[in-house]
Structure formats: C-alpha cells, structure tokens
Amino acid sequence: MSADIRIGISGWRYAPWRGVFYPEKLRQDDELQFASRAVGSIEINGSFYSLQRPESWARWHDETPEEFVFSVKAPRYITHIRRLDDVEKPIANFFASGLLRLQRKLGPILWQFPPSFRFDPEQFEAFLRLLPHDTEKALHIARGHEPRMEGRTHLAIDEPRKMRHAVEIRHASFEDRAFVDMLREHDVALVVADTAGKWPLKEDVTSDFVYLRLHGEEELYASGYADAALDDWARRMKAWSEGGQVDDARLIVERKPPSRKRRDLFCYFDNDIKVKAPFDAGKLAVRLGLTGAPAPLAERAAEADRLIAEHGGAKRNPSKPRKPKKPR
C-alpha cells in the first residue's frame, strides 16, 4: 500500500482569487466545489476564528468529492486566548460543534500556537493528554460541552475512525528534546512550517504522518515557490512518504525517526495573498507524480502570473479576518 499524499490549500474563500484561480463568473457559493476538484485536500481555517455550526460542516462534506479529505484548524480561543489554561470545556465545545459530520473526510486537526507561546513541559503534556485519537473518544469529550452550545451541536459518529493531530509552534523554546519525545509518545505530528525564515522550521518526524504548511518562500503569505524550492520539497516529501528522512533534515533532535514502510503526507500552501497557493499546489503535485485534477493548475500558473500582474496583486487578503492583537 502506498502512502496517502495530499497536496492542497489553506482555506478557499479569498476575494483576490476570483478571476485568477476561480473563473470570473463562478458563484461564491460554488468555490468549494471548484477548489475541491482542483486540489487533493483543503485546510478549513474558519474554525480557527470561531466555532462553526453543524450545518456548515455537513455542507462542506456534501459539496466535496467522495475521496476528499479536510484538515481542520483548531480554535484560536484554545491556543491563543486561553493559551492552554483551563481548556477542557473549550475543547469539548470544538468537538461538539459539528466537525464529526465530516465523517470519513475528517483528516488531521491542526493546533497552531502564537509566536509568544513558550514551551512549558507540564502544561503541554496535560494538553496532549486531552486530545482524542479516535472519533469515539472525541464524541465522549464532545458530550461534555458547555450549556451555551445547546441547539448547535452534533453528537454522533457514523463509525469509529482514527483521528490525527498536528502541532505548529513558533517559539524557539520548543526546540527541546523533551518536546519531541512528548510528541512521539502521544503520536502527534510536528508541523513542518516554512515561514520565510520568520519562525522555526523543524522536520523531526514524530508520528505516522507528516504535516507541512508552506507560507511563502521569501515573503510570508505572499511569495510563490521557485522551481528549485518545489523540487526540494518534493525530494523531502518523497523520502517521508517512503518512511525515511532526508540527510539534510533540519532537526531539533539528531535522531532518526522510527522506521516505517510508508508515511501519509498532508501539505498545505498558505501563500494566498497573491494567488500563489493553488498553482504552487498543482506544481508540487506534478513533481510527486500525483494524477488527477491538480495537474492543470500547473499549466495555468503562467497565465495566473500574467493576470496578477495586470491586476496589480493584492496588498492584503480582504476575505481573511485581520489577526487580533496578540495577548501578552
């Protein structure tokens, strides 16, 4: 059995993409249907900003192809506002909000931490112990939601399924052997996050899958990836998918990961401001020999660059909420 490799985008509703990635006259309500047939996976990021409703999760399930998979970004209320303090109920609210309606299309849960969040071994261990690794456990947790969630929950599963979690860190204090050991013990992936040099880029393999977020080669959220960079990411991903590790891996701990015959991969481009993400996803998919819908995107990349130049680009993505002031 070969590894499941998913190359996709972070989010899909971006105003600057209309007329460049999305056809000019495509209805906004049809954008998910279009995007989910052009890339292998999409990271849902609306769930980061607020709890979504069960009917939204059900609609996303129904509008996407049968074999499609979503990753889900966990609420910033847990990671950025509560900062892991007293988060049992917020985690229960999150799992009760409807993401279990994705059923077999539910992929990894992404837990992203702010740049000011430091590694506290005791606190982080307690957090990892709260994470469910199957849908039955997630449902049990969800049933402990707060009363305010009544009327907007989904408390059922179609069948028991495995659940995966990935952690994206942005503070150098996490470059600690104890952190890597902790992730491996709890079977949680360390996100390989390329942030144009702004935050740590580490490639320790800590789970049976690898999760990548490519935010921009030279400019965060904006710049595309040159051919050489895409070639390098393809090389790294091929090694991971075959159960190995590249010789030049950027590691916290100089130690080989446990040997496996294969590893699944989830890779999301978040360089959305200038409409680079979907086209870079297509180019990378071609390099990895993935067949199907992503290939035509690579062929449209040159046309996209021309359209972007004509339109003058976009200084800020108006469809993505402004980030709140970071708590100290």
C-alpha atoms as a PDB file:
ATOM      1  CA  MET A   1       0.000   0.000   0.000  1.00  0.00           C
ATOM      2  CA  SER A   2       1.419   3.408  -0.984  1.00  0.00           C
ATOM      3  CA  ALA A   3       1.322   6.474   1.226  1.00  0.00           C
ATOM      4  CA  ASP A   4      -1.627   8.836   1.014  1.00  0.00           C
ATOM      5  CA  ILE A   5      -0.193  12.165  -0.191  1.00  0.00           C
ATOM      6  CA  ARG A   6      -2.495  15.184  -0.061  1.00  0.00           C
ATOM      7  CA  ILE A   7      -1.352  18.476  -1.568  1.00  0.00           C
ATOM      8  CA  GLY A   8      -3.748  21.353  -1.001  1.00  0.00           C
ATOM      9  CA  ILE A   9      -4.505  24.870   0.164  1.00  0.00           C
ATOM     10  CA  SER A  10      -5.271  26.598   3.434  1.00  0.00           C
ATOM     11  CA  GLY A  11      -8.802  27.975   3.074  1.00  0.00           C
ATOM     12  CA  TRP A  12     -10.641  28.609  -0.174  1.00  0.00           C
ATOM     13  CA  ARG A  13     -12.685  31.810   0.085  1.00  0.00           C
ATOM     14  CA  TYR A  14     -10.366  34.639  -0.980  1.00  0.00           C
ATOM     15  CA  ALA A  15     -11.508  37.649  -2.966  1.00  0.00           C
ATOM     16  CA  PRO A  16      -8.220  38.074  -4.933  1.00  0.00           C
ATOM     17  CA  TRP A  17      -8.583  34.510  -6.270  1.00  0.00           C
ATOM     18  CA  ARG A  18     -11.721  35.393  -8.228  1.00  0.00           C
ATOM     19  CA  GLY A  19     -10.964  35.747 -11.907  1.00  0.00           C
ATOM     20  CA  VAL A  20      -7.481  34.239 -11.410  1.00  0.00           C
ATOM     21  CA  PHE A  21      -7.941  30.808  -9.854  1.00  0.00           C
ATOM     22  CA  TYR A  22     -11.726  30.845  -9.833  1.00  0.00           C
ATOM     23  CA  PRO A  23     -13.479  31.552 -13.130  1.00  0.00           C
ATOM     24  CA  GLU A  24     -14.728  35.129 -13.368  1.00  0.00           C
ATOM     25  CA  LYS A  25     -18.428  34.271 -13.192  1.00  0.00           C
ATOM     26  CA  LEU A  26     -18.250  31.450 -10.654  1.00  0.00           C
ATOM     27  CA  ARG A  27     -20.695  31.941  -7.781  1.00  0.00           C
ATOM     28  CA  GLN A  28     -19.044  32.376  -4.398  1.00  0.00           C
ATOM     29  CA  ASP A  29     -21.166  29.505  -3.068  1.00  0.00           C
ATOM     30  CA  ASP A  30     -19.610  27.226  -5.703  1.00  0.00           C
ATOM     31  CA  GLU A  31     -15.989  27.994  -4.829  1.00  0.00           C
ATOM     32  CA  LEU A  32     -15.526  24.992  -2.526  1.00  0.00           C
ATOM     33  CA  GLN A  33     -16.876  22.644  -5.191  1.00  0.00           C
ATOM     34  CA  PHE A  34     -14.414  24.102  -7.704  1.00  0.00           C
ATOM     35  CA  ALA A  35     -11.403  24.114  -5.347  1.00  0.00           C
ATOM     36  CA  SER A  36     -12.012  20.596  -4.012  1.00  0.00           C
ATOM     37  CA  ARG A  37     -11.809  19.239  -7.551  1.00  0.00           C
ATOM     38  CA  ALA A  38      -8.546  21.062  -8.238  1.00  0.00           C
ATOM     39  CA  VAL A  39      -6.513  20.082  -5.155  1.00  0.00           C
ATOM     40  CA  GLY A  40      -6.276  16.950  -3.042  1.00  0.00           C
ATOM     41  CA  SER A  41      -7.180  18.494   0.304  1.00  0.00           C
ATOM     42  CA  ILE A  42      -8.174  21.775   1.938  1.00  0.00           C
ATOM     43  CA  GLU A  43      -7.371  23.076   5.383  1.00  0.00           C
ATOM     44  CA  ILE A  44     -10.502  24.568   6.983  1.00  0.00           C
ATOM     45  CA  ASN A  45      -9.367  27.777   8.697  1.00  0.00           C
ATOM     46  CA  GLY A  46     -12.711  29.397   9.520  1.00  0.00           C
ATOM     47  CA  SER A  47     -12.812  27.090  12.544  1.00  0.00           C
ATOM     48  CA  PHE A  48      -9.739  28.911  13.875  1.00  0.00           C
ATOM     49  CA  TYR A  49     -11.620  32.197  14.168  1.00  0.00           C
ATOM     50  CA  SER A  50     -14.930  30.910  15.537  1.00  0.00           C
ATOM     51  CA  LEU A  51     -16.887  27.735  16.207  1.00  0.00           C
ATOM     52  CA  GLN A  52     -18.698  26.647  13.075  1.00  0.00           C
ATOM     53  CA  ARG A  53     -22.230  25.242  13.036  1.00  0.00           C
ATOM     54  CA  PRO A  54     -23.155  21.614  12.306  1.00  0.00           C
ATOM     55  CA  GLU A  55     -24.957  22.563   9.088  1.00  0.00           C
ATOM     56  CA  SER A  56     -21.755  24.150   7.743  1.00  0.00           C
ATOM     57  CA  TRP A  57     -19.726  21.007   8.389  1.00  0.00           C
ATOM     58  CA  ALA A  58     -22.453  18.920   6.720  1.00  0.00           C
ATOM     59  CA  ARG A  59     -22.490  21.205   3.677  1.00  0.00           C
ATOM     60  CA  TRP A  60     -18.699  21.010   3.295  1.00  0.00           C
ATOM     61  CA  HIS A  61     -18.944  17.236   3.439  1.00  0.00           C
ATOM     62  CA  ASP A  62     -21.667  17.114   0.797  1.00  0.00           C
ATOM     63  CA  GLU A  63     -20.058  19.590  -1.639  1.00  0.00           C
ATOM     64  CA  THR A  64     -16.744  17.761  -1.977  1.00  0.00           C
ATOM     65  CA  PRO A  65     -15.749  14.570  -3.846  1.00  0.00           C
ATOM     66  CA  GLU A  66     -16.154  11.186  -2.190  1.00  0.00           C
ATOM     67  CA  GLU A  67     -12.423  10.660  -1.580  1.00  0.00           C
ATOM     68  CA  PHE A  68     -11.724  14.240  -0.477  1.00  0.00           C
ATOM     69  CA  VAL A  69     -10.123  14.969   2.909  1.00  0.00           C
ATOM     70  CA  PHE A  70     -10.163  18.136   5.011  1.00  0.00           C
ATOM     71  CA  SER A  71      -7.749  19.176   7.705  1.00  0.00           C
ATOM     72  CA  VAL A  72      -9.272  21.348  10.435  1.00  0.00           C
ATOM     73  CA  LYS A  73      -7.609  24.256  12.203  1.00  0.00           C
ATOM     74  CA  ALA A  74      -8.496  24.213  15.903  1.00  0.00           C
ATOM     75  CA  PRO A  75      -9.864  27.366  17.597  1.00  0.00           C
ATOM     76  CA  ARG A  76      -7.509  30.191  18.464  1.00  0.00           C
ATOM     77  CA  TYR A  77      -9.583  30.590  21.637  1.00  0.00           C
ATOM     78  CA  ILE A  78      -7.812  27.479  22.952  1.00  0.00           C
ATOM     79  CA  THR A  79      -4.293  28.173  21.670  1.00  0.00           C
ATOM     80  CA  HIS A  80      -4.021  31.980  21.517  1.00  0.00           C
ATOM     81  CA  ILE A  81      -6.526  33.361  24.030  1.00  0.00           C
ATOM     82  CA  ARG A  82      -6.781  30.705  26.748  1.00  0.00           C
ATOM     83  CA  ARG A  83      -3.200  29.651  25.935  1.00  0.00           C
ATOM     84  CA  LEU A  84      -3.995  26.102  27.125  1.00  0.00           C
ATOM     85  CA  ASP A  85      -5.217  27.267  30.529  1.00  0.00           C
ATOM     86  CA  ASP A  86      -8.439  25.534  31.626  1.00  0.00           C
ATOM     87  CA  VAL A  87      -9.306  24.320  28.116  1.00  0.00           C
ATOM     88  CA  GLU A  88     -11.269  21.129  28.796  1.00  0.00           C
ATOM     89  CA  LYS A  89     -14.639  22.765  28.092  1.00  0.00           C
ATOM     90  CA  PRO A  90     -13.449  24.753  25.016  1.00  0.00           C
ATOM     91  CA  ILE A  91     -12.046  21.532  23.548  1.00  0.00           C
ATOM     92  CA  ALA A  92     -15.365  19.799  24.229  1.00  0.00           C
ATOM     93  CA  ASN A  93     -17.208  22.685  22.535  1.00  0.00           C
ATOM     94  CA  PHE A  94     -14.971  22.359  19.493  1.00  0.00           C
ATOM     95  CA  PHE A  95     -15.624  18.635  19.049  1.00  0.00           C
ATOM     96  CA  ALA A  96     -19.340  19.175  19.684  1.00  0.00           C
ATOM     97  CA  SER A  97     -19.620  21.940  17.080  1.00  0.00           C
ATOM     98  CA  GLY A  98     -20.068  19.567  14.155  1.00  0.00           C
ATOM     99  CA  LEU A  99     -16.681  18.557  12.733  1.00  0.00           C
ATOM    100  CA  LEU A 100     -17.634  14.898  13.288  1.00  0.00           C
ATOM    101  CA  ARG A 101     -20.158  15.440  10.475  1.00  0.00           C
ATOM    102  CA  LEU A 102     -17.206  15.331   8.078  1.00  0.00           C
ATOM    103  CA  GLN A 103     -17.172  11.572   8.740  1.00  0.00           C
ATOM    104  CA  ARG A 104     -14.509   9.858   6.588  1.00  0.00           C
ATOM    105  CA  LYS A 105     -13.460  13.233   5.148  1.00  0.00           C
ATOM    106  CA  LEU A 106     -12.095  14.380   8.521  1.00  0.00           C
ATOM    107  CA  GLY A 107      -8.309  14.497   8.349  1.00  0.00           C
ATOM    108  CA  PRO A 108      -5.785  15.871  10.868  1.00  0.00           C
ATOM    109  CA  ILE A 109      -6.591  18.562  13.429  1.00  0.00           C
ATOM    110  CA  LEU A 110      -4.088  21.440  13.327  1.00  0.00           C
ATOM    111  CA  TRP A 111      -3.193  23.155  16.613  1.00  0.00           C
ATOM    112  CA  GLN A 112      -1.257  26.345  15.853  1.00  0.00           C
ATOM    113  CA  PHE A 113       0.399  28.302  18.665  1.00  0.00           C
ATOM    114  CA  PRO A 114       1.320  32.013  18.612  1.00  0.00           C
ATOM    115  CA  PRO A 115       4.924  33.274  18.445  1.00  0.00           C
ATOM    116  CA  SER A 116       4.741  34.436  22.070  1.00  0.00           C
ATOM    117  CA  PHE A 117       3.735  30.996  23.388  1.00  0.00           C
ATOM    118  CA  ARG A 118       6.646  29.289  25.161  1.00  0.00           C
ATOM    119  CA  PHE A 119       7.131  25.591  25.778  1.00  0.00           C
ATOM    120  CA  ASP A 120       6.039  24.581  29.277  1.00  0.00           C
ATOM    121  CA  PRO A 121       6.552  20.802  29.549  1.00  0.00           C
ATOM    122  CA  GLU A 122       3.972  20.203  32.262  1.00  0.00           C
ATOM    123  CA  GLN A 123       1.307  22.348  30.597  1.00  0.00           C
ATOM    124  CA  PHE A 124       1.914  20.890  27.151  1.00  0.00           C
ATOM    125  CA  GLU A 125       1.861  17.313  28.410  1.00  0.00           C
ATOM    126  CA  ALA A 126      -1.520  17.970  30.036  1.00  0.00           C
ATOM    127  CA  PHE A 127      -2.816  19.395  26.739  1.00  0.00           C
ATOM    128  CA  LEU A 128      -1.648  16.415  24.684  1.00  0.00           C
ATOM    129  CA  ARG A 129      -3.396  14.058  27.092  1.00  0.00           C
ATOM    130  CA  LEU A 130      -6.695  15.811  26.287  1.00  0.00           C
ATOM    131  CA  LEU A 131      -6.520  15.069  22.548  1.00  0.00           C
ATOM    132  CA  PRO A 132      -8.705  12.198  21.291  1.00  0.00           C
ATOM    133  CA  HIS A 133      -7.146   9.758  18.835  1.00  0.00           C
ATOM    134  CA  ASP A 134     -10.390   8.241  17.616  1.00  0.00           C
ATOM    135  CA  THR A 135     -13.886   9.517  16.925  1.00  0.00           C
ATOM    136  CA  GLU A 136     -15.422   7.549  19.795  1.00  0.00           C
ATOM    137  CA  LYS A 137     -13.197   9.361  22.271  1.00  0.00           C
ATOM    138  CA  ALA A 138     -13.915  12.680  20.520  1.00  0.00           C
ATOM    139  CA  LEU A 139     -17.638  12.057  20.865  1.00  0.00           C
ATOM    140  CA  HIS A 140     -17.225  11.288  24.568  1.00  0.00           C
ATOM    141  CA  ILE A 141     -15.358  14.577  25.020  1.00  0.00           C
ATOM    142  CA  ALA A 142     -17.949  16.468  22.952  1.00  0.00           C
ATOM    143  CA  ARG A 143     -20.748  15.360  25.261  1.00  0.00           C
ATOM    144  CA  GLY A 144     -19.113  17.423  27.995  1.00  0.00           C
ATOM    145  CA  HIS A 145     -19.724  20.693  26.121  1.00  0.00           C
ATOM    146  CA  GLU A 146     -20.931  23.849  27.831  1.00  0.00           C
ATOM    147  CA  PRO A 147     -24.697  24.532  28.110  1.00  0.00           C
ATOM    148  CA  ARG A 148     -24.363  27.534  25.775  1.00  0.00           C
ATOM    149  CA  MET A 149     -23.759  25.076  22.929  1.00  0.00           C
ATOM    150  CA  GLU A 150     -27.252  23.568  23.175  1.00  0.00           C
ATOM    151  CA  GLY A 151     -29.040  23.665  19.829  1.00  0.00           C
ATOM    152  CA  ARG A 152     -25.840  23.932  17.794  1.00  0.00           C
ATOM    153  CA  THR A 153     -24.120  20.612  18.385  1.00  0.00           C
ATOM    154  CA  HIS A 154     -23.696  17.325  16.534  1.00  0.00           C
ATOM    155  CA  LEU A 155     -23.201  14.431  18.942  1.00  0.00           C
ATOM    156  CA  ALA A 156     -22.970  11.344  16.745  1.00  0.00           C
ATOM    157  CA  ILE A 157     -20.452   9.445  14.613  1.00  0.00           C
ATOM    158  CA  ASP A 158     -21.084   7.289  11.575  1.00  0.00           C
ATOM    159  CA  GLU A 159     -18.462   4.734  12.680  1.00  0.00           C
ATOM    160  CA  PRO A 160     -15.282   4.574  14.762  1.00  0.00           C
ATOM    161  CA  ARG A 161     -12.386   6.217  12.952  1.00  0.00           C
ATOM    162  CA  LYS A 162      -8.807   7.150  13.764  1.00  0.00           C
ATOM    163  CA  MET A 163      -8.076  10.826  14.465  1.00  0.00           C
ATOM    164  CA  ARG A 164      -4.785  12.617  13.962  1.00  0.00           C
ATOM    165  CA  HIS A 165      -3.318  15.796  15.442  1.00  0.00           C
ATOM    166  CA  ALA A 166      -0.512  18.151  14.378  1.00  0.00           C
ATOM    167  CA  VAL A 167       1.143  20.990  16.295  1.00  0.00           C
ATOM    168  CA  GLU A 168       2.598  24.146  14.718  1.00  0.00           C
ATOM    169  CA  ILE A 169       4.981  26.049  17.001  1.00  0.00           C
ATOM    170  CA  ARG A 170       6.503  29.499  16.548  1.00  0.00           C
ATOM    171  CA  HIS A 171       8.773  29.980  19.561  1.00  0.00           C
ATOM    172  CA  ALA A 172      12.368  28.786  19.848  1.00  0.00           C
ATOM    173  CA  SER A 173      11.764  27.353  23.333  1.00  0.00           C
ATOM    174  CA  PHE A 174      10.111  24.342  21.636  1.00  0.00           C
ATOM    175  CA  GLU A 175      13.497  23.338  20.215  1.00  0.00           C
ATOM    176  CA  ASP A 176      13.812  20.935  23.112  1.00  0.00           C
ATOM    177  CA  ARG A 177      14.328  17.176  23.141  1.00  0.00           C
ATOM    178  CA  ALA A 178      11.563  16.853  25.745  1.00  0.00           C
ATOM    179  CA  PHE A 179       9.095  18.382  23.287  1.00  0.00           C
ATOM    180  CA  VAL A 180       9.994  15.948  20.508  1.00  0.00           C
ATOM    181  CA  ASP A 181       9.829  12.978  22.890  1.00  0.00           C
ATOM    182  CA  MET A 182       6.432  14.174  24.112  1.00  0.00           C
ATOM    183  CA  LEU A 183       5.014  14.386  20.585  1.00  0.00           C
ATOM    184  CA  ARG A 184       6.288  10.902  19.753  1.00  0.00           C
ATOM    185  CA  GLU A 185       4.831   9.463  22.933  1.00  0.00           C
ATOM    186  CA  HIS A 186       1.406  10.918  22.122  1.00  0.00           C
ATOM    187  CA  ASP A 187       1.623  10.216  18.366  1.00  0.00           C
ATOM    188  CA  VAL A 188       1.215  13.889  17.405  1.00  0.00           C
ATOM    189  CA  ALA A 189       2.942  15.356  14.335  1.00  0.00           C
ATOM    190  CA  LEU A 190       5.233  18.376  14.461  1.00  0.00           C
ATOM    191  CA  VAL A 191       4.192  20.684  11.632  1.00  0.00           C
ATOM    192  CA  VAL A 192       6.947  21.394   9.117  1.00  0.00           C
ATOM    193  CA  ALA A 193       6.264  25.119   8.706  1.00  0.00           C
ATOM    194  CA  ASP A 194       8.116  27.188   6.119  1.00  0.00           C
ATOM    195  CA  THR A 195       7.595  30.813   7.154  1.00  0.00           C
ATOM    196  CA  ALA A 196      10.192  32.616   5.010  1.00  0.00           C
ATOM    197  CA  GLY A 197      12.654  32.391   7.899  1.00  0.00           C
ATOM    198  CA  LYS A 198      10.425  34.180  10.408  1.00  0.00           C
ATOM    199  CA  TRP A 199       9.806  31.230  12.777  1.00  0.00           C
ATOM    200  CA  PRO A 200      11.474  27.843  13.407  1.00  0.00           C
ATOM    201  CA  LEU A 201      11.470  25.352  10.539  1.00  0.00           C
ATOM    202  CA  LYS A 202      11.967  21.892  12.005  1.00  0.00           C
ATOM    203  CA  GLU A 203      11.493  18.494  10.388  1.00  0.00           C
ATOM    204  CA  ASP A 204      11.506  15.994  13.242  1.00  0.00           C
ATOM    205  CA  VAL A 205       9.131  13.155  12.348  1.00  0.00           C
ATOM    206  CA  THR A 206       7.041  12.415  15.431  1.00  0.00           C
ATOM    207  CA  SER A 207       4.025  10.484  14.113  1.00  0.00           C
ATOM    208  CA  ASP A 208       2.911   8.105  11.381  1.00  0.00           C
ATOM    209  CA  PHE A 209       2.215  11.074   9.102  1.00  0.00           C
ATOM    210  CA  VAL A 210       3.894  14.360   8.172  1.00  0.00           C
ATOM    211  CA  TYR A 211       2.061  17.690   8.046  1.00  0.00           C
ATOM    212  CA  LEU A 212       3.509  20.629   6.102  1.00  0.00           C
ATOM    213  CA  ARG A 213       2.414  24.263   5.887  1.00  0.00           C
ATOM    214  CA  LEU A 214       4.186  26.332   3.225  1.00  0.00           C
ATOM    215  CA  HIS A 215       3.546  30.000   3.975  1.00  0.00           C
ATOM    216  CA  GLY A 216       5.843  31.530   1.346  1.00  0.00           C
ATOM    217  CA  GLU A 217       9.432  31.071   0.178  1.00  0.00           C
ATOM    218  CA  GLU A 218      10.645  34.662   0.571  1.00  0.00           C
ATOM    219  CA  GLU A 219       7.673  36.718   1.788  1.00  0.00           C
ATOM    220  CA  LEU A 220       5.244  35.397   4.399  1.00  0.00           C
ATOM    221  CA  TYR A 221       1.798  34.566   2.957  1.00  0.00           C
ATOM    222  CA  ALA A 222       2.645  36.272  -0.336  1.00  0.00           C
ATOM    223  CA  SER A 223       5.553  34.916  -2.380  1.00  0.00           C
ATOM    224  CA  GLY A 224       5.363  31.834  -4.535  1.00  0.00           C
ATOM    225  CA  TYR A 225       7.841  28.964  -4.668  1.00  0.00           C
ATOM    226  CA  ALA A 226      10.509  28.820  -7.361  1.00  0.00           C
ATOM    227  CA  ASP A 227      11.099  25.591  -9.266  1.00  0.00           C
ATOM    228  CA  ALA A 228      14.203  24.773  -7.214  1.00  0.00           C
ATOM    229  CA  ALA A 229      12.294  25.157  -3.957  1.00  0.00           C
ATOM    230  CA  LEU A 230       9.441  22.960  -5.181  1.00  0.00           C
ATOM    231  CA  ASP A 231      11.974  20.358  -6.340  1.00  0.00           C
ATOM    232  CA  ASP A 232      13.487  20.344  -2.854  1.00  0.00           C
ATOM    233  CA  TRP A 233      10.140  19.997  -1.109  1.00  0.00           C
ATOM    234  CA  ALA A 234       9.227  17.150  -3.455  1.00  0.00           C
ATOM    235  CA  ARG A 235      12.506  15.411  -2.586  1.00  0.00           C
ATOM    236  CA  ARG A 236      11.831  15.726   1.125  1.00  0.00           C
ATOM    237  CA  MET A 237       8.226  14.591   0.823  1.00  0.00           C
ATOM    238  CA  LYS A 238       9.181  11.556  -1.243  1.00  0.00           C
ATOM    239  CA  ALA A 239      11.612  10.461   1.484  1.00  0.00           C
ATOM    240  CA  TRP A 240       8.996  10.943   4.211  1.00  0.00           C
ATOM    241  CA  SER A 241       6.310   9.108   2.238  1.00  0.00           C
ATOM    242  CA  GLU A 242       8.650   6.145   1.853  1.00  0.00           C
ATOM    243  CA  GLY A 243       9.176   6.001   5.616  1.00  0.00           C
ATOM    244  CA  GLY A 244      12.582   7.672   5.650  1.00  0.00           C
ATOM    245  CA  GLN A 245      14.185  11.050   6.250  1.00  0.00           C
ATOM    246  CA  VAL A 246      16.463  13.248   4.106  1.00  0.00           C
ATOM    247  CA  ASP A 247      20.122  13.541   5.101  1.00  0.00           C
ATOM    248  CA  ASP A 248      19.903  17.330   5.403  1.00  0.00           C
ATOM    249  CA  ALA A 249      16.822  17.365   7.651  1.00  0.00           C
ATOM    250  CA  ARG A 250      16.549  20.387   9.939  1.00  0.00           C
ATOM    251  CA  LEU A 251      16.099  18.713  13.311  1.00  0.00           C
ATOM    252  CA  ILE A 252      15.600  19.528  16.961  1.00  0.00           C
ATOM    253  CA  VAL A 253      16.900  16.097  17.932  1.00  0.00           C
ATOM    254  CA  GLU A 254      19.620  14.422  15.852  1.00  0.00           C
ATOM    255  CA  ARG A 255      17.904  11.066  15.840  1.00  0.00           C
ATOM    256  CA  LYS A 256      16.272   9.035  13.104  1.00  0.00           C
ATOM    257  CA  PRO A 257      12.510   8.551  13.346  1.00  0.00           C
ATOM    258  CA  PRO A 258      11.104   5.050  13.900  1.00  0.00           C
ATOM    259  CA  SER A 259      11.382   3.006  10.700  1.00  0.00           C
ATOM    260  CA  ARG A 260       8.190   2.640   8.656  1.00  0.00           C
ATOM    261  CA  LYS A 261       7.340   1.338   5.199  1.00  0.00           C
ATOM    262  CA  ARG A 262       5.363   4.488   4.425  1.00  0.00           C
ATOM    263  CA  ARG A 263       4.011   7.704   5.910  1.00  0.00           C
ATOM    264  CA  ASP A 264       0.986   9.698   4.841  1.00  0.00           C
ATOM    265  CA  LEU A 265       1.571  13.357   3.996  1.00  0.00           C
ATOM    266  CA  PHE A 266      -0.606  16.443   4.168  1.00  0.00           C
ATOM    267  CA  CYS A 267       0.830  19.621   2.638  1.00  0.00           C
ATOM    268  CA  TYR A 268      -0.967  22.981   2.514  1.00  0.00           C
ATOM    269  CA  PHE A 269       0.106  26.153   0.744  1.00  0.00           C
ATOM    270  CA  ASP A 270      -0.818  29.280   2.720  1.00  0.00           C
ATOM    271  CA  ASN A 271       0.774  31.849   0.377  1.00  0.00           C
ATOM    272  CA  ASP A 272      -2.661  33.090  -0.604  1.00  0.00           C
ATOM    273  CA  ILE A 273      -2.394  36.886  -0.841  1.00  0.00           C
ATOM    274  CA  LYS A 274      -1.103  36.966  -4.424  1.00  0.00           C
ATOM    275  CA  VAL A 275      -2.934  33.811  -5.524  1.00  0.00           C
ATOM    276  CA  LYS A 276       0.159  31.626  -5.493  1.00  0.00           C
ATOM    277  CA  ALA A 277      -1.193  28.828  -3.276  1.00  0.00           C
ATOM    278  CA  PRO A 278      -3.377  26.785  -5.662  1.00  0.00           C
ATOM    279  CA  PHE A 279      -0.880  26.968  -8.509  1.00  0.00           C
ATOM    280  CA  ASP A 280       2.084  26.013  -6.308  1.00  0.00           C
ATOM    281  CA  ALA A 281      -0.016  23.094  -5.053  1.00  0.00           C
ATOM    282  CA  GLY A 282      -0.537  21.957  -8.631  1.00  0.00           C
ATOM    283  CA  LYS A 283       3.159  22.222  -9.470  1.00  0.00           C
ATOM    284  CA  LEU A 284       4.179  20.226  -6.401  1.00  0.00           C
ATOM    285  CA  ALA A 285       1.552  17.568  -7.126  1.00  0.00           C
ATOM    286  CA  VAL A 286       3.015  17.092 -10.614  1.00  0.00           C
ATOM    287  CA  ARG A 287       6.514  16.700  -9.172  1.00  0.00           C
ATOM    288  CA  LEU A 288       5.274  13.949  -6.861  1.00  0.00           C
ATOM    289  CA  GLY A 289       3.583  12.143  -9.719  1.00  0.00           C
ATOM    290  CA  LEU A 290       0.074  12.641  -8.393  1.00  0.00           C
ATOM    291  CA  THR A 291      -2.525  12.196 -11.086  1.00  0.00           C
ATOM    292  CA  GLY A 292      -5.889  13.873 -11.477  1.00  0.00           C
ATOM    293  CA  ALA A 293      -7.143  17.398 -11.132  1.00  0.00           C
ATOM    294  CA  PRO A 294      -4.111  19.258  -9.709  1.00  0.00           C
ATOM    295  CA  ALA A 295      -2.048  18.922 -12.915  1.00  0.00           C
ATOM    296  CA  PRO A 296      -3.984  21.510 -14.981  1.00  0.00           C
ATOM    297  CA  LEU A 297      -3.281  24.103 -12.298  1.00  0.00           C
ATOM    298  CA  ALA A 298       0.416  23.919 -13.057  1.00  0.00           C
ATOM    299  CA  GLU A 299      -0.352  24.621 -16.704  1.00  0.00           C
ATOM    300  CA  ARG A 300      -2.389  27.697 -15.696  1.00  0.00           C
ATOM    301  CA  ALA A 301       0.356  29.107 -13.463  1.00  0.00           C
ATOM    302  CA  ALA A 302       1.913  31.301 -16.168  1.00  0.00           C
ATOM    303  CA  GLU A 303      -1.495  32.694 -17.077  1.00  0.00           C
ATOM    304  CA  ALA A 304      -2.142  33.386 -13.388  1.00  0.00           C
ATOM    305  CA  ASP A 305       1.116  35.347 -13.100  1.00  0.00           C
ATOM    306  CA  ARG A 306       0.049  37.474 -16.065  1.00  0.00           C
ATOM    307  CA  LEU A 307      -3.380  38.162 -14.605  1.00  0.00           C
ATOM    308  CA  ILE A 308      -1.925  39.044 -11.224  1.00  0.00           C
ATOM    309  CA  ALA A 309       0.484  41.492 -12.852  1.00  0.00           C
ATOM    310  CA  GLU A 310      -2.380  43.095 -14.780  1.00  0.00           C
ATOM    311  CA  HIS A 311      -4.487  43.421 -11.643  1.00  0.00           C
ATOM    312  CA  GLY A 312      -1.613  44.769  -9.577  1.00  0.00           C
ATOM    313  CA  GLY A 313      -1.743  41.998  -6.990  1.00  0.00           C
ATOM    314  CA  ALA A 314      -3.304  42.482  -3.583  1.00  0.00           C
ATOM    315  CA  LYS A 315      -1.676  44.064  -0.560  1.00  0.00           C
ATOM    316  CA  ARG A 316      -3.970  42.264   1.882  1.00  0.00           C
ATOM    317  CA  ASN A 317      -6.474  39.494   1.539  1.00  0.00           C
ATOM    318  CA  PRO A 318      -9.804  41.129   2.469  1.00  0.00           C
ATOM    319  CA  SER A 319     -11.565  37.791   2.884  1.00  0.00           C
ATOM    320  CA  LYS A 320      -9.258  36.654   5.696  1.00  0.00           C
ATOM    321  CA  PRO A 321     -10.071  38.292   9.048  1.00  0.00           C
ATOM    322  CA  ARG A 322      -7.429  40.563  10.485  1.00  0.00           C
ATOM    323  CA  LYS A 323      -5.473  38.880  13.221  1.00  0.00           C
ATOM    324  CA  PRO A 324      -6.342  40.098  16.698  1.00  0.00           C
ATOM    325  CA  LYS A 325      -3.750  41.782  18.834  1.00  0.00           C
ATOM    326  CA  LYS A 326      -1.662  39.011  20.328  1.00  0.00           C
ATOM    327  CA  PRO A 327      -2.186  38.514  24.053  1.00  0.00           C
ATOM    328  CA  ARG A 328       0.932  39.065  26.101  1.00  0.00           C
END
